[in-house]
Amino acid sequence: MSTSKAENFSQELQDLARINKALSHPARLAIIIYLAEKNICFSGNIALELPLSRTTVTQHLNELKEAGIIKGEINGKNVCYCINNDALLNIKKLIDKFLNKSIDLAACNC
C-alpha cells in the first residue's frame, strides 16, 4: 500500500496546505468577505451577490465548509451559512507562524 507524499510533512504543513487550497479561488474569498460583512448567519441565495451560478456557488460553499472555514446548518429548505470564527483565528495563527518562520529563514543576503 502506498502513502501520500503529503504524509511525509508535518500535520501543521498539511493543514496549512489544505486551508490555502480552500482559499485559492477568488470566489471563495468573495464568499468569506460577504459572510463576514453580513456578520450574521445568512440563509439567502449568495449567488445573487456574486457573478456566478447557484451551482458554482454551492460548490465553493462546500469547499469552504469542508475546510471548516464556514459553517452551514439546514433550516427548513434553506441552508444557513456563517463564518467559523474559531477556524479563522486558527488559520490566522497558522499563517502567521508560517510567515514568521519564513521571514526568519529569509535573513540571508542573497
C-alpha atoms as a PDB file:
ATOM      1  CA  MET A   1       0.000   0.000   0.000  1.00  0.00           C
ATOM      2  CA  SER A   2       1.447   3.391  -0.941  1.00  0.00           C
ATOM      3  CA  THR A   3       1.211   6.523   1.139  1.00  0.00           C
ATOM      4  CA  SER A   4       0.590  10.063   0.025  1.00  0.00           C
ATOM      5  CA  LYS A   5       3.684  12.197  -0.293  1.00  0.00           C
ATOM      6  CA  ALA A   6       1.863  14.820   1.798  1.00  0.00           C
ATOM      7  CA  GLU A   7       2.091  12.421   4.746  1.00  0.00           C
ATOM      8  CA  ASN A   8       5.854  12.989   4.744  1.00  0.00           C
ATOM      9  CA  PHE A   9       5.230  16.515   6.036  1.00  0.00           C
ATOM     10  CA  SER A  10       4.101  17.738   9.444  1.00  0.00           C
ATOM     11  CA  GLN A  11       0.407  17.899  10.225  1.00  0.00           C
ATOM     12  CA  GLU A  12       0.757  21.660  10.555  1.00  0.00           C
ATOM     13  CA  LEU A  13       2.045  21.987   6.972  1.00  0.00           C
ATOM     14  CA  GLN A  14      -0.660  19.631   5.698  1.00  0.00           C
ATOM     15  CA  ASP A  15      -3.322  21.744   7.453  1.00  0.00           C
ATOM     16  CA  LEU A  16      -1.850  24.954   6.050  1.00  0.00           C
ATOM     17  CA  ALA A  17      -1.797  23.498   2.520  1.00  0.00           C
ATOM     18  CA  ARG A  18      -5.425  22.310   2.830  1.00  0.00           C
ATOM     19  CA  ILE A  19      -6.523  25.743   4.045  1.00  0.00           C
ATOM     20  CA  ASN A  20      -4.606  27.541   1.326  1.00  0.00           C
ATOM     21  CA  LYS A  21      -6.216  25.292  -1.266  1.00  0.00           C
ATOM     22  CA  ALA A  22      -9.645  26.267   0.068  1.00  0.00           C
ATOM     23  CA  LEU A  23      -8.668  29.947  -0.054  1.00  0.00           C
ATOM     24  CA  SER A  24      -7.110  29.739  -3.516  1.00  0.00           C
ATOM     25  CA  HIS A  25     -10.138  30.826  -5.529  1.00  0.00           C
ATOM     26  CA  PRO A  26     -11.349  34.440  -5.700  1.00  0.00           C
ATOM     27  CA  ALA A  27     -14.995  33.335  -5.494  1.00  0.00           C
ATOM     28  CA  ARG A  28     -14.325  31.625  -2.166  1.00  0.00           C
ATOM     29  CA  LEU A  29     -12.584  34.726  -0.869  1.00  0.00           C
ATOM     30  CA  ALA A  30     -15.569  36.814  -2.016  1.00  0.00           C
ATOM     31  CA  ILE A  31     -17.938  34.453  -0.184  1.00  0.00           C
ATOM     32  CA  ILE A  32     -15.895  34.741   3.020  1.00  0.00           C
ATOM     33  CA  ILE A  33     -15.845  38.543   2.762  1.00  0.00           C
ATOM     34  CA  TYR A  34     -19.589  38.645   2.049  1.00  0.00           C
ATOM     35  CA  LEU A  35     -20.425  36.447   5.037  1.00  0.00           C
ATOM     36  CA  ALA A  36     -18.038  38.400   7.289  1.00  0.00           C
ATOM     37  CA  GLU A  37     -19.606  41.717   6.244  1.00  0.00           C
ATOM     38  CA  LYS A  38     -23.102  40.364   6.921  1.00  0.00           C
ATOM     39  CA  ASN A  39     -21.917  39.336  10.400  1.00  0.00           C
ATOM     40  CA  ILE A  40     -24.927  37.014  10.740  1.00  0.00           C
ATOM     41  CA  CYS A  41     -25.818  33.541   9.572  1.00  0.00           C
ATOM     42  CA  PHE A  42     -27.001  34.077   6.017  1.00  0.00           C
ATOM     43  CA  SER A  43     -29.771  31.908   4.631  1.00  0.00           C
ATOM     44  CA  GLY A  44     -30.413  33.720   1.367  1.00  0.00           C
ATOM     45  CA  ASN A  45     -29.083  32.988  -2.088  1.00  0.00           C
ATOM     46  CA  ILE A  46     -25.423  34.031  -2.045  1.00  0.00           C
ATOM     47  CA  ALA A  47     -25.344  33.501  -5.824  1.00  0.00           C
ATOM     48  CA  LEU A  48     -27.397  36.688  -6.181  1.00  0.00           C
ATOM     49  CA  GLU A  49     -24.453  38.591  -4.687  1.00  0.00           C
ATOM     50  CA  LEU A  50     -21.745  37.091  -6.925  1.00  0.00           C
ATOM     51  CA  PRO A  51     -21.268  36.836 -10.699  1.00  0.00           C
ATOM     52  CA  LEU A  52     -21.605  33.045 -10.530  1.00  0.00           C
ATOM     53  CA  SER A  53     -24.330  30.475 -10.953  1.00  0.00           C
ATOM     54  CA  ARG A  54     -26.031  28.987  -7.932  1.00  0.00           C
ATOM     55  CA  THR A  55     -24.447  25.590  -8.699  1.00  0.00           C
ATOM     56  CA  THR A  56     -20.956  27.091  -8.793  1.00  0.00           C
ATOM     57  CA  VAL A  57     -21.536  28.994  -5.554  1.00  0.00           C
ATOM     58  CA  THR A  58     -22.789  25.793  -3.921  1.00  0.00           C
ATOM     59  CA  GLN A  59     -19.578  24.004  -4.952  1.00  0.00           C
ATOM     60  CA  HIS A  60     -17.479  26.806  -3.460  1.00  0.00           C
ATOM     61  CA  LEU A  61     -19.559  26.807  -0.271  1.00  0.00           C
ATOM     62  CA  ASN A  62     -18.984  23.061   0.041  1.00  0.00           C
ATOM     63  CA  GLU A  63     -15.210  23.536  -0.336  1.00  0.00           C
ATOM     64  CA  LEU A  64     -15.209  26.208   2.368  1.00  0.00           C
ATOM     65  CA  LYS A  65     -17.378  24.070   4.630  1.00  0.00           C
ATOM     66  CA  GLU A  66     -15.146  21.002   4.161  1.00  0.00           C
ATOM     67  CA  ALA A  67     -12.155  23.130   5.133  1.00  0.00           C
ATOM     68  CA  GLY A  68     -14.061  24.258   8.235  1.00  0.00           C
ATOM     69  CA  ILE A  69     -13.880  27.926   7.264  1.00  0.00           C
ATOM     70  CA  ILE A  70     -17.648  28.343   7.221  1.00  0.00           C
ATOM     71  CA  LYS A  71     -20.469  26.563   8.995  1.00  0.00           C
ATOM     72  CA  GLY A  72     -23.776  25.618   7.446  1.00  0.00           C
ATOM     73  CA  GLU A  73     -26.958  24.428   9.088  1.00  0.00           C
ATOM     74  CA  ILE A  74     -30.081  23.220   7.350  1.00  0.00           C
ATOM     75  CA  ASN A  75     -33.053  25.350   8.349  1.00  0.00           C
ATOM     76  CA  GLY A  76     -36.132  24.030   6.599  1.00  0.00           C
ATOM     77  CA  LYS A  77     -35.452  24.265   2.863  1.00  0.00           C
ATOM     78  CA  ASN A  78     -32.614  26.748   3.343  1.00  0.00           C
ATOM     79  CA  VAL A  79     -29.045  26.322   4.469  1.00  0.00           C
ATOM     80  CA  CYS A  80     -27.828  28.994   6.841  1.00  0.00           C
ATOM     81  CA  TYR A  81     -24.123  29.830   6.332  1.00  0.00           C
ATOM     82  CA  CYS A  82     -21.822  31.782   8.586  1.00  0.00           C
ATOM     83  CA  ILE A  83     -18.126  32.281   9.223  1.00  0.00           C
ATOM     84  CA  ASN A  84     -16.464  29.818  11.595  1.00  0.00           C
ATOM     85  CA  ASN A  85     -14.638  32.396  13.716  1.00  0.00           C
ATOM     86  CA  ASP A  86     -12.630  29.773  15.606  1.00  0.00           C
ATOM     87  CA  ALA A  87     -11.371  28.341  12.318  1.00  0.00           C
ATOM     88  CA  LEU A  88     -10.413  31.787  11.005  1.00  0.00           C
ATOM     89  CA  LEU A  89      -8.453  32.527  14.173  1.00  0.00           C
ATOM     90  CA  ASN A  90      -6.661  29.189  13.819  1.00  0.00           C
ATOM     91  CA  ILE A  91      -5.939  29.914  10.144  1.00  0.00           C
ATOM     92  CA  LYS A  92      -4.510  33.301  11.094  1.00  0.00           C
ATOM     93  CA  LYS A  93      -2.243  31.657  13.689  1.00  0.00           C
ATOM     94  CA  LEU A  94      -1.040  29.025  11.185  1.00  0.00           C
ATOM     95  CA  ILE A  95      -0.312  31.628   8.513  1.00  0.00           C
ATOM     96  CA  ASP A  96       1.381  33.992  10.982  1.00  0.00           C
ATOM     97  CA  LYS A  97       3.556  31.168  12.292  1.00  0.00           C
ATOM     98  CA  PHE A  98       4.484  30.117   8.748  1.00  0.00           C
ATOM     99  CA  LEU A  99       5.284  33.671   7.664  1.00  0.00           C
ATOM    100  CA  ASN A 100       7.312  34.352  10.805  1.00  0.00           C
ATOM    101  CA  LYS A 101       9.384  31.209  10.148  1.00  0.00           C
ATOM    102  CA  SER A 102       9.816  32.207   6.510  1.00  0.00           C
ATOM    103  CA  ILE A 103      10.922  35.722   7.421  1.00  0.00           C
ATOM    104  CA  ASP A 104      13.435  34.348   9.942  1.00  0.00           C
ATOM    105  CA  LEU A 105      14.799  31.967   7.320  1.00  0.00           C
ATOM    106  CA  ALA A 106      14.955  34.709   4.679  1.00  0.00           C
ATOM    107  CA  ALA A 107      17.531  36.692   6.625  1.00  0.00           C
ATOM    108  CA  CYS A 108      20.302  35.784   4.150  1.00  0.00           C
ATOM    109  CA  ASN A 109      21.908  38.424   1.967  1.00  0.00           C
ATOM    110  CA  CYS A 110      21.183  36.762  -1.385  1.00  0.00           C
END
